[in-house]
């Protein structure tokens, strides 16, 4: 994919491994296009590098806590956010591409028993997709998301809203206009202000 490209294929109809490759590739484009890693983001208190830190750290910790395979450790996000991300995302892709690790069963009190493939697809790949907007909007890059996948996510999440809100992972929903497109609805649902922009320097 080229820098600042939008998805040319919707991730909605792909296999989990293909979906991760496409979505993580779009996020990688934004990582490589970032020039200011201290730029504030739509997530309160986070700079651009913290978006990468979040994605690298939480999923590796989740796998470890669930009896899953270990992910490789790259450079520190503080020193080299792009390098840290590239090592991390290549490691996740290898897990999904290897039938043995993809089928490994994770056991976690929050999600029960799921294969590496199912858990990655359900809770991690979608997170990368949503955080692509955060990094892109913070750094002035293309922040358009695939509308079909946005609709799939927000419609599914709306059916378990109470559980998601009580998890503490999502802030209060932001109201969006009636008839808003799927990306705007998704952003509002997860507590993002779709109109957020960095303060002029």
C-alpha atoms as a PDB file:
ATOM      1  CA  UNK A   1       0.000   0.000   0.000  1.00  0.00           C
ATOM      2  CA  UNK A   2       1.161   3.538  -0.599  1.00  0.00           C
ATOM      3  CA  UNK A   3       1.421   6.181   2.073  1.00  0.00           C
ATOM      4  CA  UNK A   4      -1.957   7.661   3.007  1.00  0.00           C
ATOM      5  CA  UNK A   5      -3.829   5.155   0.845  1.00  0.00           C
ATOM      6  CA  UNK A   6      -7.329   4.076   1.754  1.00  0.00           C
ATOM      7  CA  UNK A   7      -8.302   0.416   1.711  1.00  0.00           C
ATOM      8  CA  UNK A   8      -8.902  -0.710  -1.875  1.00  0.00           C
ATOM      9  CA  UNK A   9     -10.553  -3.923  -0.685  1.00  0.00           C
ATOM     10  CA  UNK A  10     -13.074  -4.006   2.135  1.00  0.00           C
ATOM     11  CA  UNK A  11     -11.806  -6.017   5.105  1.00  0.00           C
ATOM     12  CA  UNK A  12     -15.383  -7.067   5.850  1.00  0.00           C
ATOM     13  CA  UNK A  13     -15.334 -10.114   3.566  1.00  0.00           C
ATOM     14  CA  UNK A  14     -11.824 -11.423   4.153  1.00  0.00           C
ATOM     15  CA  UNK A  15     -10.385 -14.248   6.234  1.00  0.00           C
ATOM     16  CA  UNK A  16      -8.982 -13.193   9.633  1.00  0.00           C
ATOM     17  CA  UNK A  17      -5.379 -13.451   8.389  1.00  0.00           C
ATOM     18  CA  UNK A  18      -6.168 -11.461   5.249  1.00  0.00           C
ATOM     19  CA  UNK A  19      -8.157  -8.918   7.233  1.00  0.00           C
ATOM     20  CA  UNK A  20      -5.280  -8.339   9.642  1.00  0.00           C
ATOM     21  CA  UNK A  21      -2.805  -7.992   6.787  1.00  0.00           C
ATOM     22  CA  UNK A  22      -4.945  -5.343   5.105  1.00  0.00           C
ATOM     23  CA  UNK A  23      -5.884  -3.362   8.221  1.00  0.00           C
ATOM     24  CA  UNK A  24      -2.414  -3.528   9.776  1.00  0.00           C
ATOM     25  CA  UNK A  25      -0.951  -2.503   6.430  1.00  0.00           C
ATOM     26  CA  UNK A  26      -3.117   0.622   6.387  1.00  0.00           C
ATOM     27  CA  UNK A  27      -2.002   1.433   9.936  1.00  0.00           C
ATOM     28  CA  UNK A  28       1.625   0.866   8.906  1.00  0.00           C
ATOM     29  CA  UNK A  29       1.172   3.434   6.143  1.00  0.00           C
ATOM     30  CA  UNK A  30       0.108   6.000   8.746  1.00  0.00           C
ATOM     31  CA  UNK A  31       3.004   5.031  11.015  1.00  0.00           C
ATOM     32  CA  UNK A  32       5.483   5.553   8.197  1.00  0.00           C
ATOM     33  CA  UNK A  33       3.807   8.841   7.312  1.00  0.00           C
ATOM     34  CA  UNK A  34       4.033  10.243  10.843  1.00  0.00           C
ATOM     35  CA  UNK A  35       6.489  13.104  11.239  1.00  0.00           C
ATOM     36  CA  UNK A  36       5.658  14.235  14.789  1.00  0.00           C
ATOM     37  CA  UNK A  37       5.371  11.454  17.319  1.00  0.00           C
ATOM     38  CA  UNK A  38       4.546  13.928  20.066  1.00  0.00           C
ATOM     39  CA  UNK A  39       1.450  15.207  18.250  1.00  0.00           C
ATOM     40  CA  UNK A  40      -1.697  15.101  20.400  1.00  0.00           C
ATOM     41  CA  UNK A  41      -4.372  12.626  19.379  1.00  0.00           C
ATOM     42  CA  UNK A  42      -8.163  12.379  19.743  1.00  0.00           C
ATOM     43  CA  UNK A  43      -7.564  10.109  22.753  1.00  0.00           C
ATOM     44  CA  UNK A  44      -7.177  12.427  25.740  1.00  0.00           C
ATOM     45  CA  UNK A  45      -3.665  12.359  27.144  1.00  0.00           C
ATOM     46  CA  UNK A  46      -2.181  10.362  24.279  1.00  0.00           C
ATOM     47  CA  UNK A  47       0.462  11.507  21.830  1.00  0.00           C
ATOM     48  CA  UNK A  48       0.872   9.784  18.470  1.00  0.00           C
ATOM     49  CA  UNK A  49       3.492   7.385  19.850  1.00  0.00           C
ATOM     50  CA  UNK A  50       1.041   6.281  22.546  1.00  0.00           C
ATOM     51  CA  UNK A  51      -1.315   4.889  19.899  1.00  0.00           C
ATOM     52  CA  UNK A  52       1.507   2.590  18.767  1.00  0.00           C
ATOM     53  CA  UNK A  53       2.456   1.821  22.368  1.00  0.00           C
ATOM     54  CA  UNK A  54      -1.106   0.787  23.183  1.00  0.00           C
ATOM     55  CA  UNK A  55      -1.404  -1.599  20.252  1.00  0.00           C
ATOM     56  CA  UNK A  56       2.006  -3.174  20.811  1.00  0.00           C
ATOM     57  CA  UNK A  57       1.671  -3.617  24.556  1.00  0.00           C
ATOM     58  CA  UNK A  58      -1.894  -4.669  25.254  1.00  0.00           C
ATOM     59  CA  UNK A  59      -2.137  -7.486  22.729  1.00  0.00           C
ATOM     60  CA  UNK A  60       1.221  -8.979  23.669  1.00  0.00           C
ATOM     61  CA  UNK A  61       0.087  -8.875  27.300  1.00  0.00           C
ATOM     62  CA  UNK A  62      -3.261 -10.432  26.431  1.00  0.00           C
ATOM     63  CA  UNK A  63      -1.604 -13.345  24.633  1.00  0.00           C
ATOM     64  CA  UNK A  64       0.801 -13.936  27.500  1.00  0.00           C
ATOM     65  CA  UNK A  65      -1.966 -13.834  30.120  1.00  0.00           C
ATOM     66  CA  UNK A  66      -4.072 -16.228  28.054  1.00  0.00           C
ATOM     67  CA  UNK A  67      -1.420 -18.908  27.592  1.00  0.00           C
ATOM     68  CA  UNK A  68      -0.704 -17.910  24.032  1.00  0.00           C
ATOM     69  CA  UNK A  69       2.465 -17.679  21.979  1.00  0.00           C
ATOM     70  CA  UNK A  70       4.841 -14.818  22.655  1.00  0.00           C
ATOM     71  CA  UNK A  71       5.255 -11.930  20.259  1.00  0.00           C
ATOM     72  CA  UNK A  72       8.719 -10.637  19.366  1.00  0.00           C
ATOM     73  CA  UNK A  73      10.013  -7.530  21.110  1.00  0.00           C
ATOM     74  CA  UNK A  74      11.128  -4.682  18.889  1.00  0.00           C
ATOM     75  CA  UNK A  75      12.804  -1.430  19.839  1.00  0.00           C
ATOM     76  CA  UNK A  76      11.282   0.823  22.470  1.00  0.00           C
ATOM     77  CA  UNK A  77       8.302   2.843  21.297  1.00  0.00           C
ATOM     78  CA  UNK A  78       9.940   5.849  22.949  1.00  0.00           C
ATOM     79  CA  UNK A  79      13.044   5.460  20.795  1.00  0.00           C
ATOM     80  CA  UNK A  80      11.619   4.112  17.542  1.00  0.00           C
ATOM     81  CA  UNK A  81       7.816   3.929  17.257  1.00  0.00           C
ATOM     82  CA  UNK A  82       7.900   2.847  13.618  1.00  0.00           C
ATOM     83  CA  UNK A  83      10.415   0.098  14.286  1.00  0.00           C
ATOM     84  CA  UNK A  84       8.491  -1.122  17.325  1.00  0.00           C
ATOM     85  CA  UNK A  85       5.285  -1.303  15.306  1.00  0.00           C
ATOM     86  CA  UNK A  86       6.849  -3.102  12.360  1.00  0.00           C
ATOM     87  CA  UNK A  87       8.323  -5.837  14.553  1.00  0.00           C
ATOM     88  CA  UNK A  88       5.066  -6.211  16.449  1.00  0.00           C
ATOM     89  CA  UNK A  89       2.731  -6.354  13.469  1.00  0.00           C
ATOM     90  CA  UNK A  90       4.966  -8.779  11.579  1.00  0.00           C
ATOM     91  CA  UNK A  91       4.870 -11.034  14.636  1.00  0.00           C
ATOM     92  CA  UNK A  92       1.065 -10.958  14.793  1.00  0.00           C
ATOM     93  CA  UNK A  93       0.836 -11.765  11.101  1.00  0.00           C
ATOM     94  CA  UNK A  94       3.149 -14.744  11.510  1.00  0.00           C
ATOM     95  CA  UNK A  95       0.862 -16.146  14.217  1.00  0.00           C
ATOM     96  CA  UNK A  96      -2.135 -15.905  11.886  1.00  0.00           C
ATOM     97  CA  UNK A  97      -0.307 -17.327   8.877  1.00  0.00           C
ATOM     98  CA  UNK A  98       1.028 -20.387  10.748  1.00  0.00           C
ATOM     99  CA  UNK A  99      -1.762 -22.995  11.112  1.00  0.00           C
ATOM    100  CA  UNK A 100      -0.251 -24.316  14.347  1.00  0.00           C
ATOM    101  CA  UNK A 101      -0.183 -20.999  16.190  1.00  0.00           C
ATOM    102  CA  UNK A 102      -3.394 -19.769  14.564  1.00  0.00           C
ATOM    103  CA  UNK A 103      -5.293 -22.729  16.013  1.00  0.00           C
ATOM    104  CA  UNK A 104      -3.731 -22.489  19.485  1.00  0.00           C
ATOM    105  CA  UNK A 105      -6.475 -22.149  22.109  1.00  0.00           C
ATOM    106  CA  UNK A 106      -6.310 -19.166  24.424  1.00  0.00           C
ATOM    107  CA  UNK A 107      -8.000 -19.233  27.820  1.00  0.00           C
ATOM    108  CA  UNK A 108      -8.929 -15.853  29.225  1.00  0.00           C
ATOM    109  CA  UNK A 109     -11.482 -14.999  31.942  1.00  0.00           C
ATOM    110  CA  UNK A 110     -12.878 -12.114  29.883  1.00  0.00           C
ATOM    111  CA  UNK A 111     -13.380 -13.895  26.551  1.00  0.00           C
ATOM    112  CA  UNK A 112     -13.377 -17.571  27.508  1.00  0.00           C
ATOM    113  CA  UNK A 113     -11.668 -20.080  25.203  1.00  0.00           C
ATOM    114  CA  UNK A 114     -10.855 -18.857  21.712  1.00  0.00           C
ATOM    115  CA  UNK A 115      -8.281 -19.727  19.103  1.00  0.00           C
ATOM    116  CA  UNK A 116      -5.517 -17.229  18.414  1.00  0.00           C
ATOM    117  CA  UNK A 117      -7.190 -16.515  15.074  1.00  0.00           C
ATOM    118  CA  UNK A 118     -10.625 -15.859  16.555  1.00  0.00           C
ATOM    119  CA  UNK A 119      -9.330 -13.741  19.433  1.00  0.00           C
ATOM    120  CA  UNK A 120      -7.079 -11.677  17.195  1.00  0.00           C
ATOM    121  CA  UNK A 121      -9.849 -11.039  14.717  1.00  0.00           C
ATOM    122  CA  UNK A 122     -12.474 -10.225  17.320  1.00  0.00           C
ATOM    123  CA  UNK A 123     -10.617  -7.926  19.676  1.00  0.00           C
ATOM    124  CA  UNK A 124      -7.278  -6.872  18.179  1.00  0.00           C
ATOM    125  CA  UNK A 125      -7.655  -6.322  14.444  1.00  0.00           C
ATOM    126  CA  UNK A 126     -10.741  -4.196  15.004  1.00  0.00           C
ATOM    127  CA  UNK A 127      -8.760  -2.128  17.517  1.00  0.00           C
ATOM    128  CA  UNK A 128      -6.024  -1.483  14.956  1.00  0.00           C
ATOM    129  CA  UNK A 129      -8.702  -0.422  12.476  1.00  0.00           C
ATOM    130  CA  UNK A 130     -10.254   2.090  14.864  1.00  0.00           C
ATOM    131  CA  UNK A 131      -6.927   3.474  16.058  1.00  0.00           C
ATOM    132  CA  UNK A 132      -5.926   4.099  12.441  1.00  0.00           C
ATOM    133  CA  UNK A 133      -8.286   7.068  12.572  1.00  0.00           C
ATOM    134  CA  UNK A 134      -6.672   8.356  15.764  1.00  0.00           C
ATOM    135  CA  UNK A 135      -3.160   8.300  14.321  1.00  0.00           C
ATOM    136  CA  UNK A 136      -4.214   9.655  10.945  1.00  0.00           C
ATOM    137  CA  UNK A 137      -6.268  12.505  12.368  1.00  0.00           C
ATOM    138  CA  UNK A 138      -3.504  13.431  14.830  1.00  0.00           C
ATOM    139  CA  UNK A 139      -0.833  13.578  12.139  1.00  0.00           C
ATOM    140  CA  UNK A 140      -2.754  15.121   9.256  1.00  0.00           C
ATOM    141  CA  UNK A 141      -2.991  11.991   7.108  1.00  0.00           C
ATOM    142  CA  UNK A 142      -5.837  10.303   5.255  1.00  0.00           C
ATOM    143  CA  UNK A 143      -8.309   9.343   7.996  1.00  0.00           C
ATOM    144  CA  UNK A 144     -10.976   7.696   5.884  1.00  0.00           C
ATOM    145  CA  UNK A 145     -11.964   4.206   7.031  1.00  0.00           C
ATOM    146  CA  UNK A 146     -13.736   1.491   5.067  1.00  0.00           C
ATOM    147  CA  UNK A 147     -17.426   2.210   5.503  1.00  0.00           C
ATOM    148  CA  UNK A 148     -18.614  -1.394   5.166  1.00  0.00           C
ATOM    149  CA  UNK A 149     -16.319  -2.533   7.963  1.00  0.00           C
ATOM    150  CA  UNK A 150     -17.243   0.508  10.065  1.00  0.00           C
ATOM    151  CA  UNK A 151     -20.899  -0.483   9.734  1.00  0.00           C
ATOM    152  CA  UNK A 152     -20.156  -4.103  10.615  1.00  0.00           C
ATOM    153  CA  UNK A 153     -18.259  -3.069  13.733  1.00  0.00           C
ATOM    154  CA  UNK A 154     -20.651  -0.456  15.056  1.00  0.00           C
ATOM    155  CA  UNK A 155     -23.710  -2.614  14.447  1.00  0.00           C
ATOM    156  CA  UNK A 156     -22.098  -5.522  16.278  1.00  0.00           C
ATOM    157  CA  UNK A 157     -20.837  -3.388  19.143  1.00  0.00           C
ATOM    158  CA  UNK A 158     -24.217  -1.739  19.620  1.00  0.00           C
ATOM    159  CA  UNK A 159     -25.666  -5.155  20.501  1.00  0.00           C
ATOM    160  CA  UNK A 160     -23.300  -5.439  23.476  1.00  0.00           C
ATOM    161  CA  UNK A 161     -23.027  -1.791  24.440  1.00  0.00           C
ATOM    162  CA  UNK A 162     -23.565  -2.302  28.176  1.00  0.00           C
ATOM    163  CA  UNK A 163     -20.755  -4.846  28.355  1.00  0.00           C
ATOM    164  CA  UNK A 164     -18.399  -2.639  26.372  1.00  0.00           C
ATOM    165  CA  UNK A 165     -19.112   0.470  28.427  1.00  0.00           C
ATOM    166  CA  UNK A 166     -18.689  -1.392  31.717  1.00  0.00           C
ATOM    167  CA  UNK A 167     -15.294  -2.704  30.576  1.00  0.00           C
ATOM    168  CA  UNK A 168     -13.844   0.781  30.853  1.00  0.00           C
ATOM    169  CA  UNK A 169     -12.305   0.513  27.399  1.00  0.00           C
ATOM    170  CA  UNK A 170     -14.715   2.998  25.840  1.00  0.00           C
ATOM    171  CA  UNK A 171     -15.748   6.405  27.055  1.00  0.00           C
ATOM    172  CA  UNK A 172     -19.246   7.839  26.802  1.00  0.00           C
ATOM    173  CA  UNK A 173     -20.667   7.894  23.298  1.00  0.00           C
ATOM    174  CA  UNK A 174     -20.488  11.162  21.388  1.00  0.00           C
ATOM    175  CA  UNK A 175     -23.779  12.133  19.756  1.00  0.00           C
ATOM    176  CA  UNK A 176     -23.683  12.276  15.967  1.00  0.00           C
ATOM    177  CA  UNK A 177     -26.338  13.559  13.550  1.00  0.00           C
ATOM    178  CA  UNK A 178     -29.152  11.290  12.430  1.00  0.00           C
ATOM    179  CA  UNK A 179     -28.242   9.749   9.108  1.00  0.00           C
ATOM    180  CA  UNK A 180     -24.487  10.053   9.743  1.00  0.00           C
ATOM    181  CA  UNK A 181     -22.279   7.716   7.726  1.00  0.00           C
ATOM    182  CA  UNK A 182     -20.907   4.518   9.251  1.00  0.00           C
ATOM    183  CA  UNK A 183     -17.481   5.962  10.055  1.00  0.00           C
ATOM    184  CA  UNK A 184     -19.018   8.874  11.953  1.00  0.00           C
ATOM    185  CA  UNK A 185     -21.356   6.513  13.826  1.00  0.00           C
ATOM    186  CA  UNK A 186     -18.470   4.237  14.774  1.00  0.00           C
ATOM    187  CA  UNK A 187     -16.328   7.107  16.003  1.00  0.00           C
ATOM    188  CA  UNK A 188     -19.152   8.522  18.066  1.00  0.00           C
ATOM    189  CA  UNK A 189     -19.957   5.106  19.524  1.00  0.00           C
ATOM    190  CA  UNK A 190     -16.395   4.569  20.767  1.00  0.00           C
ATOM    191  CA  UNK A 191     -16.300   8.025  22.320  1.00  0.00           C
ATOM    192  CA  UNK A 192     -14.452   9.971  19.650  1.00  0.00           C
ATOM    193  CA  UNK A 193     -15.474  13.416  18.475  1.00  0.00           C
ATOM    194  CA  UNK A 194     -15.541  12.980  14.679  1.00  0.00           C
ATOM    195  CA  UNK A 195     -14.769  16.700  14.307  1.00  0.00           C
ATOM    196  CA  UNK A 196     -11.664  16.631  16.522  1.00  0.00           C
ATOM    197  CA  UNK A 197      -8.663  18.428  15.100  1.00  0.00           C
ATOM    198  CA  UNK A 198      -5.264  19.228  16.648  1.00  0.00           C
ATOM    199  CA  UNK A 199      -4.953  22.711  18.049  1.00  0.00           C
ATOM    200  CA  UNK A 200      -3.123  25.001  15.623  1.00  0.00           C
ATOM    201  CA  UNK A 201       0.514  25.382  16.614  1.00  0.00           C
END
